[in-house]
Amino acid sequence: MKRFVLAVAVLASSAALAEEPVAVNAGQSWSAVGPKTVASGANLLEASLGWPGLEVSYLRGLASRFNLGGRFSFNYGVEGLVRGVAPGLKLQLLTKVLFVDQGKVSFGMTFEPGPLFYFYNNNTTLIGFAIPVGFRLGIAPASALQLAIFFDLPMWISFGSVSSFNLPILTGVGLEYFVQSSLALFFKMRMGPTVFFRGQSAEFTLDAVIGVGWRF
């Protein structure tokens, strides 16, 4: 009888342990560089510095997988062109959509349209409009780390005497470290050619920045 009671106790203990959820590393629930969005009602403030300039961004969670916000940029490189040095300003509407979230792996896209202005030394101003589309693949190798792979088409149109449709084709990576669940430091770099449909030429383009993201 004692052996029977002992066997029942062992089986009950085993069943209880089997029912306990197993902790799985799914990374953080949001990302400044990857595709993960902030939750509905939450906010994300980002600031970054590098080439081609300084950016400050704000995103608001309108739904669990959809964020909307804006960005102000002060640039000293014309849309990332390594030979295009001139001060400029850019204002953008930000949209971020998360399509897939499997915890460690996520996928989404961004759309960031807005006007741009660059001021050259010969008293001429380049006026244009940006229509960037980007795709993000996120991988969480650890709970405090987020890796992002970028494929971006930050297209822009210039107006006036040098009007042209310009197509950058950029790929790159981003790395994000979460100091705490609401604060992250990040680095991202994208590079590739910008194809100018006027003149049928191309130039090397670089976007490499470090920054901080704060969710609140």
N, C-alpha and C. Protein backbone atom coordinates (compact mmCIF):
# COMPACT_ATOMS: atom_id res chain seq x y z
N MET A 1 0.83 -1.21 0.00
CA MET A 1 0.00 0.00 0.00
C MET A 1 0.86 1.25 0.00
N LYS A 2 1.91 1.19 0.85
CA LYS A 2 2.79 2.35 0.90
C LYS A 2 3.46 2.59 -0.46
N ARG A 3 3.83 1.45 -1.14
CA ARG A 3 4.46 1.60 -2.44
C ARG A 3 3.49 2.21 -3.46
N PHE A 4 2.21 1.81 -3.34
CA PHE A 4 1.20 2.35 -4.25
C PHE A 4 1.03 3.85 -4.05
N VAL A 5 0.94 4.28 -2.79
CA VAL A 5 0.80 5.72 -2.48
C VAL A 5 2.00 6.50 -2.98
N LEU A 6 3.19 5.93 -2.79
CA LEU A 6 4.41 6.59 -3.23
C LEU A 6 4.43 6.73 -4.74
N ALA A 7 3.98 5.68 -5.46
CA ALA A 7 3.95 5.74 -6.92
C ALA A 7 2.98 6.80 -7.41
N VAL A 8 1.80 6.89 -6.76
CA VAL A 8 0.81 7.92 -7.12
C VAL A 8 1.38 9.32 -6.90
N ALA A 9 2.08 9.50 -5.78
CA ALA A 9 2.67 10.81 -5.47
C ALA A 9 3.70 11.21 -6.51
N VAL A 10 4.52 10.24 -6.92
CA VAL A 10 5.55 10.53 -7.94
C VAL A 10 4.90 10.91 -9.26
N LEU A 11 3.85 10.16 -9.67
CA LEU A 11 3.16 10.47 -10.92
C LEU A 11 2.48 11.84 -10.86
N ALA A 12 1.89 12.20 -9.74
CA ALA A 12 1.24 13.50 -9.59
C ALA A 12 2.25 14.63 -9.68
N SER A 13 3.40 14.41 -9.05
CA SER A 13 4.45 15.44 -9.10
C SER A 13 4.95 15.63 -10.52
N SER A 14 5.12 14.53 -11.26
CA SER A 14 5.58 14.60 -12.64
C SER A 14 4.58 15.34 -13.52
N ALA A 15 3.30 15.07 -13.32
CA ALA A 15 2.27 15.75 -14.10
C ALA A 15 2.25 17.23 -13.82
N ALA A 16 2.40 17.61 -12.56
CA ALA A 16 2.41 19.02 -12.19
C ALA A 16 3.58 19.75 -12.84
N LEU A 17 4.74 19.11 -12.85
CA LEU A 17 5.90 19.73 -13.48
C LEU A 17 5.70 19.86 -14.98
N ALA A 18 5.06 18.87 -15.59
CA ALA A 18 4.84 18.91 -17.04
C ALA A 18 3.89 20.03 -17.42
N GLU A 19 2.95 20.40 -16.52
CA GLU A 19 1.98 21.44 -16.82
C GLU A 19 2.56 22.84 -16.67
N GLU A 20 3.71 22.97 -15.99
CA GLU A 20 4.29 24.29 -15.80
C GLU A 20 4.81 24.82 -17.12
N PRO A 21 4.53 26.08 -17.46
CA PRO A 21 5.00 26.64 -18.72
C PRO A 21 6.51 26.73 -18.76
N VAL A 22 7.08 26.44 -19.91
CA VAL A 22 8.52 26.53 -20.09
C VAL A 22 8.87 27.92 -20.59
N ALA A 23 9.79 28.57 -19.92
CA ALA A 23 10.18 29.92 -20.32
C ALA A 23 10.92 29.87 -21.65
N VAL A 24 10.46 30.63 -22.61
CA VAL A 24 11.07 30.70 -23.93
C VAL A 24 11.53 32.12 -24.19
N ASN A 25 12.78 32.28 -24.62
CA ASN A 25 13.28 33.60 -24.92
C ASN A 25 12.65 34.11 -26.20
N ALA A 26 11.79 35.12 -26.07
CA ALA A 26 11.13 35.71 -27.22
C ALA A 26 11.63 37.12 -27.46
N GLY A 27 12.68 37.56 -26.75
CA GLY A 27 13.15 38.92 -26.92
C GLY A 27 12.19 39.91 -26.30
N GLN A 28 12.42 41.18 -26.58
CA GLN A 28 11.55 42.24 -26.08
C GLN A 28 10.32 42.39 -26.96
N SER A 29 9.32 43.07 -26.45
CA SER A 29 8.05 43.20 -27.18
C SER A 29 8.05 44.37 -28.16
N TRP A 30 9.13 45.16 -28.21
CA TRP A 30 9.22 46.30 -29.12
C TRP A 30 10.66 46.44 -29.60
N SER A 31 10.86 47.27 -30.62
CA SER A 31 12.21 47.46 -31.15
C SER A 31 12.30 48.80 -31.87
N ALA A 32 13.45 49.46 -31.71
CA ALA A 32 13.71 50.69 -32.44
C ALA A 32 14.27 50.42 -33.83
N VAL A 33 14.96 49.29 -34.01
CA VAL A 33 15.56 48.98 -35.31
C VAL A 33 14.84 47.84 -36.03
N GLY A 34 14.25 46.94 -35.28
CA GLY A 34 13.56 45.79 -35.87
C GLY A 34 12.11 46.09 -36.18
N PRO A 35 11.38 45.08 -36.62
CA PRO A 35 9.98 45.29 -37.03
C PRO A 35 8.98 45.35 -35.90
N LYS A 36 9.34 44.96 -34.67
CA LYS A 36 8.36 44.92 -33.59
C LYS A 36 7.87 46.33 -33.24
N THR A 37 6.58 46.46 -33.07
CA THR A 37 5.93 47.73 -32.77
C THR A 37 5.69 47.87 -31.27
N VAL A 38 5.48 49.11 -30.82
CA VAL A 38 5.06 49.32 -29.44
C VAL A 38 3.57 49.01 -29.34
N ALA A 39 3.13 48.63 -28.17
CA ALA A 39 1.74 48.20 -27.96
C ALA A 39 0.78 49.37 -28.12
N SER A 40 -0.47 49.04 -28.32
CA SER A 40 -1.51 50.06 -28.45
C SER A 40 -1.54 50.95 -27.21
N GLY A 41 -1.48 52.26 -27.43
CA GLY A 41 -1.47 53.21 -26.33
C GLY A 41 -0.10 53.58 -25.81
N ALA A 42 0.94 52.85 -26.24
CA ALA A 42 2.31 53.14 -25.81
C ALA A 42 2.99 54.10 -26.78
N ASN A 43 4.12 54.65 -26.37
CA ASN A 43 4.85 55.63 -27.17
C ASN A 43 6.31 55.22 -27.28
N LEU A 44 6.95 55.66 -28.36
CA LEU A 44 8.37 55.40 -28.57
C LEU A 44 9.04 56.68 -29.06
N LEU A 45 10.08 57.11 -28.34
CA LEU A 45 10.87 58.27 -28.72
C LEU A 45 12.27 57.78 -29.08
N GLU A 46 12.76 58.20 -30.25
CA GLU A 46 14.08 57.79 -30.72
C GLU A 46 14.92 59.02 -31.08
N ALA A 47 16.23 58.92 -30.89
CA ALA A 47 17.17 59.93 -31.33
C ALA A 47 18.42 59.23 -31.84
N SER A 48 18.95 59.68 -32.98
CA SER A 48 20.13 59.02 -33.55
C SER A 48 21.04 60.06 -34.19
N LEU A 49 22.33 59.70 -34.31
CA LEU A 49 23.34 60.61 -34.86
C LEU A 49 24.35 59.80 -35.64
N GLY A 50 24.75 60.33 -36.79
CA GLY A 50 25.74 59.67 -37.62
C GLY A 50 25.73 60.28 -39.01
N TRP A 51 25.87 59.43 -40.02
CA TRP A 51 25.76 59.88 -41.40
C TRP A 51 24.47 59.32 -41.99
N PRO A 52 23.59 60.18 -42.53
CA PRO A 52 23.86 61.53 -43.01
C PRO A 52 23.48 62.66 -42.06
N GLY A 53 23.08 62.39 -40.80
CA GLY A 53 22.73 63.51 -39.95
C GLY A 53 22.14 63.10 -38.61
N LEU A 54 21.33 64.01 -38.07
CA LEU A 54 20.69 63.85 -36.76
C LEU A 54 19.20 63.68 -36.98
N GLU A 55 18.61 62.69 -36.28
CA GLU A 55 17.18 62.42 -36.40
C GLU A 55 16.53 62.30 -35.03
N VAL A 56 15.30 62.82 -34.93
CA VAL A 56 14.47 62.64 -33.74
C VAL A 56 13.11 62.13 -34.23
N SER A 57 12.67 61.00 -33.67
CA SER A 57 11.44 60.37 -34.13
C SER A 57 10.51 60.08 -32.95
N TYR A 58 9.21 60.06 -33.27
CA TYR A 58 8.19 59.70 -32.28
C TYR A 58 7.19 58.76 -32.94
N LEU A 59 6.84 57.67 -32.23
CA LEU A 59 5.84 56.74 -32.71
C LEU A 59 4.81 56.48 -31.61
N ARG A 60 3.58 56.32 -32.04
CA ARG A 60 2.47 56.03 -31.12
C ARG A 60 1.82 54.73 -31.54
N GLY A 61 1.56 53.85 -30.58
CA GLY A 61 0.88 52.60 -30.87
C GLY A 61 -0.61 52.82 -31.04
N LEU A 62 -1.09 52.77 -32.28
CA LEU A 62 -2.52 52.91 -32.54
C LEU A 62 -3.24 51.56 -32.49
N ALA A 63 -2.48 50.50 -32.71
CA ALA A 63 -2.98 49.14 -32.59
C ALA A 63 -1.79 48.27 -32.19
N SER A 64 -2.04 47.02 -31.87
CA SER A 64 -0.96 46.17 -31.37
C SER A 64 0.14 45.97 -32.40
N ARG A 65 -0.20 46.09 -33.70
CA ARG A 65 0.80 45.88 -34.75
C ARG A 65 0.89 47.06 -35.72
N PHE A 66 0.44 48.22 -35.30
CA PHE A 66 0.49 49.39 -36.17
C PHE A 66 0.87 50.62 -35.37
N ASN A 67 1.96 51.29 -35.79
CA ASN A 67 2.43 52.52 -35.15
C ASN A 67 2.42 53.66 -36.15
N LEU A 68 2.12 54.86 -35.64
CA LEU A 68 2.09 56.06 -36.48
C LEU A 68 2.80 57.19 -35.74
N GLY A 69 3.56 58.00 -36.48
CA GLY A 69 4.28 59.09 -35.82
C GLY A 69 4.93 60.02 -36.82
N GLY A 70 6.03 60.66 -36.38
CA GLY A 70 6.71 61.62 -37.23
C GLY A 70 8.19 61.68 -36.92
N ARG A 71 8.96 62.27 -37.85
CA ARG A 71 10.41 62.39 -37.69
C ARG A 71 10.88 63.74 -38.22
N PHE A 72 11.82 64.35 -37.48
CA PHE A 72 12.52 65.55 -37.94
C PHE A 72 13.99 65.21 -38.10
N SER A 73 14.56 65.54 -39.25
CA SER A 73 15.96 65.25 -39.52
C SER A 73 16.70 66.53 -39.89
N PHE A 74 17.89 66.71 -39.31
CA PHE A 74 18.84 67.72 -39.78
C PHE A 74 20.02 66.96 -40.39
N ASN A 75 20.19 67.08 -41.68
CA ASN A 75 21.21 66.31 -42.39
C ASN A 75 22.33 67.21 -42.89
N TYR A 76 23.52 66.61 -43.02
CA TYR A 76 24.64 67.28 -43.68
C TYR A 76 25.13 66.45 -44.86
N GLY A 77 24.43 65.36 -45.15
CA GLY A 77 24.67 64.56 -46.35
C GLY A 77 23.36 64.42 -47.10
N VAL A 78 23.36 64.74 -48.37
CA VAL A 78 22.13 64.75 -49.17
C VAL A 78 21.63 63.31 -49.35
N GLU A 79 20.64 62.94 -48.59
CA GLU A 79 19.99 61.63 -48.66
C GLU A 79 20.99 60.49 -48.61
N GLY A 80 22.06 60.68 -47.82
CA GLY A 80 23.04 59.63 -47.63
C GLY A 80 24.09 59.51 -48.72
N LEU A 81 24.04 60.35 -49.75
CA LEU A 81 25.04 60.29 -50.82
C LEU A 81 26.40 60.70 -50.26
N VAL A 82 27.41 59.84 -50.42
CA VAL A 82 28.71 60.12 -49.80
C VAL A 82 29.40 61.33 -50.42
N ARG A 83 29.03 61.70 -51.65
CA ARG A 83 29.61 62.87 -52.30
C ARG A 83 28.67 64.07 -52.28
N GLY A 84 27.53 63.91 -51.62
CA GLY A 84 26.55 65.00 -51.59
C GLY A 84 26.50 65.68 -50.24
N VAL A 85 27.47 66.56 -49.97
CA VAL A 85 27.56 67.23 -48.67
C VAL A 85 26.88 68.59 -48.77
N ALA A 86 25.80 68.76 -48.00
CA ALA A 86 25.07 70.04 -47.93
C ALA A 86 24.10 69.94 -46.77
N PRO A 87 23.89 71.03 -46.03
CA PRO A 87 22.93 70.99 -44.92
C PRO A 87 21.50 70.88 -45.44
N GLY A 88 20.68 70.18 -44.68
CA GLY A 88 19.30 70.02 -45.13
C GLY A 88 18.37 69.66 -44.01
N LEU A 89 17.08 69.76 -44.28
CA LEU A 89 16.02 69.44 -43.34
C LEU A 89 15.04 68.48 -43.99
N LYS A 90 14.46 67.62 -43.17
CA LYS A 90 13.48 66.67 -43.70
C LYS A 90 12.42 66.41 -42.63
N LEU A 91 11.16 66.41 -43.03
CA LEU A 91 10.03 66.10 -42.16
C LEU A 91 9.31 64.89 -42.74
N GLN A 92 9.02 63.90 -41.89
CA GLN A 92 8.42 62.67 -42.40
C GLN A 92 7.28 62.19 -41.52
N LEU A 93 6.29 61.63 -42.18
CA LEU A 93 5.25 60.87 -41.50
C LEU A 93 5.74 59.43 -41.40
N LEU A 94 5.65 58.83 -40.21
CA LEU A 94 6.15 57.48 -40.01
C LEU A 94 5.00 56.49 -39.83
N THR A 95 5.05 55.41 -40.56
CA THR A 95 4.12 54.30 -40.34
C THR A 95 4.95 53.03 -40.23
N LYS A 96 4.58 52.18 -39.29
CA LYS A 96 5.30 50.92 -39.05
C LYS A 96 4.28 49.83 -38.82
N VAL A 97 4.39 48.75 -39.58
CA VAL A 97 3.43 47.65 -39.52
C VAL A 97 4.18 46.35 -39.24
N LEU A 98 3.69 45.59 -38.28
CA LEU A 98 4.26 44.28 -37.95
C LEU A 98 3.37 43.20 -38.56
N PHE A 99 3.93 42.41 -39.46
CA PHE A 99 3.17 41.35 -40.12
C PHE A 99 3.26 40.02 -39.39
N VAL A 100 4.47 39.66 -38.95
CA VAL A 100 4.71 38.35 -38.34
C VAL A 100 5.50 38.55 -37.05
N ASP A 101 5.06 37.90 -35.97
CA ASP A 101 5.79 37.93 -34.71
C ASP A 101 5.76 36.54 -34.09
N GLN A 102 6.87 35.84 -34.25
CA GLN A 102 6.99 34.49 -33.70
C GLN A 102 7.91 34.49 -32.47
N GLY A 103 8.02 35.65 -31.82
CA GLY A 103 8.88 35.74 -30.65
C GLY A 103 10.31 36.05 -31.04
N LYS A 104 11.06 35.00 -31.34
CA LYS A 104 12.46 35.20 -31.73
C LYS A 104 12.61 35.78 -33.13
N VAL A 105 11.63 35.56 -33.99
CA VAL A 105 11.69 36.02 -35.37
C VAL A 105 10.45 36.87 -35.66
N SER A 106 10.67 38.01 -36.32
CA SER A 106 9.56 38.90 -36.65
C SER A 106 9.83 39.55 -38.01
N PHE A 107 8.76 40.03 -38.64
CA PHE A 107 8.89 40.64 -39.96
C PHE A 107 7.85 41.74 -40.11
N GLY A 108 8.26 42.87 -40.71
CA GLY A 108 7.34 43.98 -40.92
C GLY A 108 7.87 44.95 -41.94
N MET A 109 7.18 46.09 -42.08
CA MET A 109 7.60 47.09 -43.06
C MET A 109 7.34 48.49 -42.52
N THR A 110 7.98 49.47 -43.16
CA THR A 110 7.81 50.88 -42.83
C THR A 110 7.51 51.67 -44.09
N PHE A 111 6.81 52.78 -43.92
CA PHE A 111 6.56 53.74 -45.00
C PHE A 111 6.69 55.12 -44.38
N GLU A 112 7.60 55.97 -44.93
CA GLU A 112 8.00 57.20 -44.25
C GLU A 112 8.05 58.39 -45.21
N PRO A 113 6.92 58.85 -45.76
CA PRO A 113 6.93 59.94 -46.73
C PRO A 113 7.09 61.31 -46.08
N GLY A 114 7.63 62.27 -46.86
CA GLY A 114 7.73 63.63 -46.36
C GLY A 114 8.61 64.52 -47.21
N PRO A 115 8.48 65.85 -47.06
CA PRO A 115 9.27 66.80 -47.85
C PRO A 115 10.71 66.90 -47.36
N LEU A 116 11.61 67.30 -48.27
CA LEU A 116 13.02 67.48 -47.93
C LEU A 116 13.56 68.74 -48.60
N PHE A 117 14.56 69.36 -47.93
CA PHE A 117 15.16 70.61 -48.41
C PHE A 117 16.66 70.57 -48.14
N TYR A 118 17.47 70.86 -49.17
CA TYR A 118 18.92 70.93 -48.99
C TYR A 118 19.42 72.26 -49.56
N PHE A 119 20.36 72.87 -48.84
CA PHE A 119 20.80 74.24 -49.15
C PHE A 119 22.26 74.23 -49.56
N TYR A 120 22.54 74.57 -50.82
CA TYR A 120 23.89 74.53 -51.36
C TYR A 120 24.57 75.89 -51.25
N ASN A 121 25.91 75.88 -51.37
CA ASN A 121 26.70 77.11 -51.21
C ASN A 121 26.44 78.14 -52.31
N ASN A 122 25.96 77.71 -53.46
CA ASN A 122 25.71 78.65 -54.56
C ASN A 122 24.31 79.27 -54.49
N ASN A 123 23.74 79.28 -53.27
CA ASN A 123 22.43 79.90 -53.02
C ASN A 123 21.28 79.19 -53.75
N THR A 124 21.47 77.94 -54.05
CA THR A 124 20.38 77.16 -54.63
C THR A 124 19.85 76.18 -53.59
N THR A 125 18.59 75.86 -53.70
CA THR A 125 17.94 74.95 -52.75
C THR A 125 17.35 73.77 -53.51
N LEU A 126 17.68 72.58 -53.03
CA LEU A 126 17.09 71.37 -53.58
C LEU A 126 15.82 71.07 -52.80
N ILE A 127 14.71 71.03 -53.50
CA ILE A 127 13.42 70.73 -52.89
C ILE A 127 12.93 69.40 -53.44
N GLY A 128 12.50 68.53 -52.55
CA GLY A 128 12.07 67.22 -53.01
C GLY A 128 11.06 66.60 -52.07
N PHE A 129 10.74 65.36 -52.36
CA PHE A 129 9.78 64.63 -51.54
C PHE A 129 10.25 63.19 -51.43
N ALA A 130 10.34 62.70 -50.19
CA ALA A 130 10.80 61.34 -49.93
C ALA A 130 9.60 60.39 -49.82
N ILE A 131 9.76 59.20 -50.40
CA ILE A 131 8.71 58.17 -50.31
C ILE A 131 9.38 56.82 -49.98
N PRO A 132 10.04 56.72 -48.83
CA PRO A 132 10.80 55.51 -48.49
C PRO A 132 9.89 54.35 -48.08
N VAL A 133 10.23 53.18 -48.60
CA VAL A 133 9.59 51.93 -48.21
C VAL A 133 10.68 51.01 -47.69
N GLY A 134 10.47 50.39 -46.54
CA GLY A 134 11.48 49.52 -45.97
C GLY A 134 10.89 48.23 -45.42
N PHE A 135 11.69 47.18 -45.45
CA PHE A 135 11.29 45.88 -44.92
C PHE A 135 12.29 45.47 -43.84
N ARG A 136 11.79 44.89 -42.74
CA ARG A 136 12.61 44.55 -41.59
C ARG A 136 12.40 43.08 -41.21
N LEU A 137 13.51 42.38 -41.03
CA LEU A 137 13.48 41.04 -40.46
C LEU A 137 14.18 41.11 -39.11
N GLY A 138 13.48 40.75 -38.05
CA GLY A 138 14.03 40.83 -36.71
C GLY A 138 14.35 39.46 -36.15
N ILE A 139 15.51 39.35 -35.49
CA ILE A 139 15.94 38.10 -34.85
C ILE A 139 16.41 38.44 -33.45
N ALA A 140 15.89 37.73 -32.44
CA ALA A 140 16.25 37.97 -31.04
C ALA A 140 17.15 36.84 -30.55
N PRO A 141 18.49 37.00 -30.62
CA PRO A 141 19.38 35.94 -30.14
C PRO A 141 19.40 35.81 -28.62
N ALA A 142 18.97 36.87 -27.90
CA ALA A 142 18.90 36.84 -26.44
C ALA A 142 17.83 37.84 -26.02
N SER A 143 17.39 37.76 -24.77
CA SER A 143 16.31 38.63 -24.32
C SER A 143 16.68 40.10 -24.37
N ALA A 144 17.97 40.43 -24.25
CA ALA A 144 18.40 41.83 -24.24
C ALA A 144 18.98 42.28 -25.57
N LEU A 145 18.96 41.40 -26.58
CA LEU A 145 19.54 41.74 -27.88
C LEU A 145 18.51 41.58 -28.99
N GLN A 146 18.59 42.49 -29.95
CA GLN A 146 17.73 42.39 -31.12
C GLN A 146 18.60 42.66 -32.36
N LEU A 147 18.54 41.76 -33.33
CA LEU A 147 19.24 41.92 -34.59
C LEU A 147 18.22 42.18 -35.67
N ALA A 148 18.49 43.15 -36.54
CA ALA A 148 17.58 43.47 -37.63
C ALA A 148 18.32 43.40 -38.95
N ILE A 149 17.66 42.88 -39.96
CA ILE A 149 18.18 42.86 -41.32
C ILE A 149 17.28 43.74 -42.18
N PHE A 150 17.88 44.69 -42.91
CA PHE A 150 17.13 45.69 -43.66
C PHE A 150 17.19 45.43 -45.16
N PHE A 151 16.08 45.66 -45.82
CA PHE A 151 16.04 45.84 -47.27
C PHE A 151 15.15 47.05 -47.52
N ASP A 152 15.76 48.16 -47.93
CA ASP A 152 15.06 49.44 -48.01
C ASP A 152 15.15 50.05 -49.40
N LEU A 153 14.08 50.73 -49.76
CA LEU A 153 14.01 51.52 -50.99
C LEU A 153 13.61 52.95 -50.60
N PRO A 154 14.55 53.74 -50.06
CA PRO A 154 14.23 55.12 -49.63
C PRO A 154 14.16 56.09 -50.81
N MET A 155 13.18 55.90 -51.65
CA MET A 155 13.03 56.68 -52.88
C MET A 155 12.75 58.14 -52.58
N TRP A 156 13.20 59.01 -53.47
CA TRP A 156 12.89 60.43 -53.35
C TRP A 156 12.85 61.09 -54.72
N ILE A 157 12.07 62.16 -54.79
CA ILE A 157 11.88 62.91 -56.03
C ILE A 157 12.42 64.32 -55.80
N SER A 158 13.22 64.82 -56.72
CA SER A 158 13.67 66.22 -56.68
C SER A 158 12.90 67.02 -57.72
N PHE A 159 12.60 68.27 -57.37
CA PHE A 159 11.81 69.13 -58.25
C PHE A 159 12.69 70.25 -58.81
N GLY A 160 12.12 71.02 -59.74
CA GLY A 160 12.84 72.18 -60.30
C GLY A 160 13.64 71.80 -61.53
N SER A 161 14.73 72.57 -61.75
CA SER A 161 15.54 72.38 -62.96
C SER A 161 16.27 71.04 -62.97
N VAL A 162 16.45 70.43 -61.80
CA VAL A 162 17.13 69.13 -61.72
C VAL A 162 16.14 68.06 -61.27
N SER A 163 14.92 68.15 -61.74
CA SER A 163 13.89 67.19 -61.32
C SER A 163 14.28 65.78 -61.75
N SER A 164 14.06 64.83 -60.84
CA SER A 164 14.45 63.45 -61.11
C SER A 164 13.78 62.53 -60.10
N PHE A 165 13.55 61.30 -60.54
CA PHE A 165 13.14 60.24 -59.62
C PHE A 165 14.40 59.46 -59.26
N ASN A 166 14.66 59.30 -57.96
CA ASN A 166 15.91 58.70 -57.49
C ASN A 166 15.59 57.47 -56.65
N LEU A 167 16.28 56.37 -56.94
CA LEU A 167 15.97 55.09 -56.31
C LEU A 167 17.19 54.52 -55.59
N PRO A 168 17.32 54.76 -54.27
CA PRO A 168 18.34 54.06 -53.49
C PRO A 168 17.90 52.61 -53.24
N ILE A 169 18.85 51.68 -53.34
CA ILE A 169 18.60 50.28 -53.04
C ILE A 169 19.58 49.89 -51.94
N LEU A 170 19.10 49.88 -50.70
CA LEU A 170 19.98 49.75 -49.54
C LEU A 170 19.69 48.46 -48.78
N THR A 171 20.76 47.80 -48.37
CA THR A 171 20.65 46.65 -47.48
C THR A 171 21.59 46.88 -46.30
N GLY A 172 21.30 46.23 -45.18
CA GLY A 172 22.17 46.42 -44.02
C GLY A 172 21.65 45.68 -42.81
N VAL A 173 22.26 46.01 -41.67
CA VAL A 173 21.91 45.35 -40.41
C VAL A 173 21.81 46.38 -39.30
N GLY A 174 21.09 46.02 -38.26
CA GLY A 174 21.00 46.83 -37.05
C GLY A 174 21.16 45.95 -35.83
N LEU A 175 21.73 46.50 -34.78
CA LEU A 175 21.91 45.77 -33.52
C LEU A 175 21.42 46.64 -32.38
N GLU A 176 20.64 46.05 -31.50
CA GLU A 176 19.99 46.79 -30.43
C GLU A 176 20.24 46.08 -29.10
N TYR A 177 20.64 46.85 -28.09
CA TYR A 177 20.85 46.31 -26.75
C TYR A 177 19.90 46.99 -25.78
N PHE A 178 19.12 46.20 -25.05
CA PHE A 178 18.14 46.73 -24.12
C PHE A 178 18.78 46.88 -22.74
N VAL A 179 19.00 48.13 -22.35
CA VAL A 179 19.53 48.42 -21.02
C VAL A 179 18.50 48.01 -19.98
N GLN A 180 17.25 48.26 -20.28
CA GLN A 180 16.11 47.79 -19.49
C GLN A 180 14.94 47.63 -20.44
N SER A 181 13.81 47.16 -19.97
CA SER A 181 12.71 46.84 -20.88
C SER A 181 12.16 48.04 -21.62
N SER A 182 12.41 49.25 -21.12
CA SER A 182 11.88 50.45 -21.76
C SER A 182 12.96 51.32 -22.41
N LEU A 183 14.24 50.89 -22.37
CA LEU A 183 15.33 51.72 -22.88
C LEU A 183 16.30 50.85 -23.67
N ALA A 184 16.62 51.29 -24.90
CA ALA A 184 17.50 50.51 -25.76
C ALA A 184 18.52 51.42 -26.45
N LEU A 185 19.73 50.90 -26.61
CA LEU A 185 20.77 51.54 -27.40
C LEU A 185 20.91 50.76 -28.70
N PHE A 186 21.13 51.48 -29.82
CA PHE A 186 21.17 50.76 -31.08
C PHE A 186 22.20 51.34 -32.05
N PHE A 187 22.59 50.50 -32.99
CA PHE A 187 23.44 50.86 -34.12
C PHE A 187 22.81 50.27 -35.37
N LYS A 188 22.75 51.05 -36.44
CA LYS A 188 22.26 50.49 -37.70
C LYS A 188 23.04 51.07 -38.87
N MET A 189 23.23 50.25 -39.88
CA MET A 189 23.97 50.66 -41.06
C MET A 189 23.33 50.06 -42.30
N ARG A 190 23.10 50.92 -43.30
CA ARG A 190 22.59 50.49 -44.59
C ARG A 190 23.48 51.10 -45.68
N MET A 191 23.64 50.39 -46.78
CA MET A 191 24.45 50.92 -47.87
C MET A 191 24.00 50.32 -49.19
N GLY A 192 24.40 51.01 -50.27
CA GLY A 192 24.04 50.53 -51.61
C GLY A 192 24.04 51.68 -52.59
N PRO A 193 23.64 51.43 -53.82
CA PRO A 193 23.62 52.49 -54.84
C PRO A 193 22.33 53.29 -54.82
N THR A 194 22.43 54.56 -55.21
CA THR A 194 21.25 55.35 -55.56
C THR A 194 21.25 55.53 -57.06
N VAL A 195 20.20 55.07 -57.71
CA VAL A 195 20.08 55.16 -59.16
C VAL A 195 19.30 56.43 -59.50
N PHE A 196 19.93 57.31 -60.33
CA PHE A 196 19.29 58.54 -60.77
C PHE A 196 18.72 58.31 -62.16
N PHE A 197 17.41 58.38 -62.28
CA PHE A 197 16.79 58.12 -63.57
C PHE A 197 17.04 59.27 -64.55
N ARG A 198 17.33 60.47 -64.02
CA ARG A 198 17.75 61.56 -64.89
C ARG A 198 19.26 61.42 -65.09
N GLY A 199 19.69 61.20 -66.27
CA GLY A 199 21.11 61.02 -66.55
C GLY A 199 21.57 59.58 -66.48
N GLN A 200 20.70 58.68 -65.95
CA GLN A 200 20.98 57.26 -65.90
C GLN A 200 22.35 56.97 -65.26
N SER A 201 22.55 57.51 -64.06
CA SER A 201 23.79 57.30 -63.34
C SER A 201 23.46 56.75 -61.95
N ALA A 202 24.51 56.43 -61.19
CA ALA A 202 24.33 55.89 -59.84
C ALA A 202 25.48 56.35 -58.96
N GLU A 203 25.19 56.51 -57.64
CA GLU A 203 26.22 56.90 -56.66
C GLU A 203 26.06 56.05 -55.41
N PHE A 204 27.20 55.85 -54.72
CA PHE A 204 27.19 55.07 -53.49
C PHE A 204 26.51 55.86 -52.37
N THR A 205 25.68 55.18 -51.60
CA THR A 205 24.88 55.78 -50.53
C THR A 205 25.12 55.02 -49.23
N LEU A 206 25.23 55.77 -48.14
CA LEU A 206 25.50 55.17 -46.84
C LEU A 206 24.60 55.81 -45.78
N ASP A 207 24.09 54.98 -44.90
CA ASP A 207 23.33 55.44 -43.73
C ASP A 207 23.84 54.64 -42.54
N ALA A 208 24.58 55.29 -41.63
CA ALA A 208 25.16 54.60 -40.47
C ALA A 208 25.01 55.50 -39.25
N VAL A 209 24.25 55.06 -38.25
CA VAL A 209 23.97 55.90 -37.08
C VAL A 209 23.99 55.06 -35.80
N ILE A 210 24.21 55.76 -34.69
CA ILE A 210 24.00 55.19 -33.36
C ILE A 210 22.87 55.98 -32.71
N GLY A 211 22.15 55.34 -31.80
CA GLY A 211 21.02 56.05 -31.22
C GLY A 211 20.47 55.38 -29.96
N VAL A 212 19.38 55.95 -29.49
CA VAL A 212 18.72 55.48 -28.28
C VAL A 212 17.22 55.49 -28.52
N GLY A 213 16.53 54.49 -27.98
CA GLY A 213 15.08 54.43 -28.05
C GLY A 213 14.48 54.28 -26.65
N TRP A 214 13.43 55.05 -26.39
CA TRP A 214 12.78 55.03 -25.06
C TRP A 214 11.29 54.79 -25.26
N ARG A 215 10.80 53.70 -24.71
CA ARG A 215 9.37 53.40 -24.74
C ARG A 215 8.73 53.88 -23.44
N PHE A 216 7.58 54.55 -23.58
CA PHE A 216 6.89 55.05 -22.39
C PHE A 216 5.39 55.06 -22.60
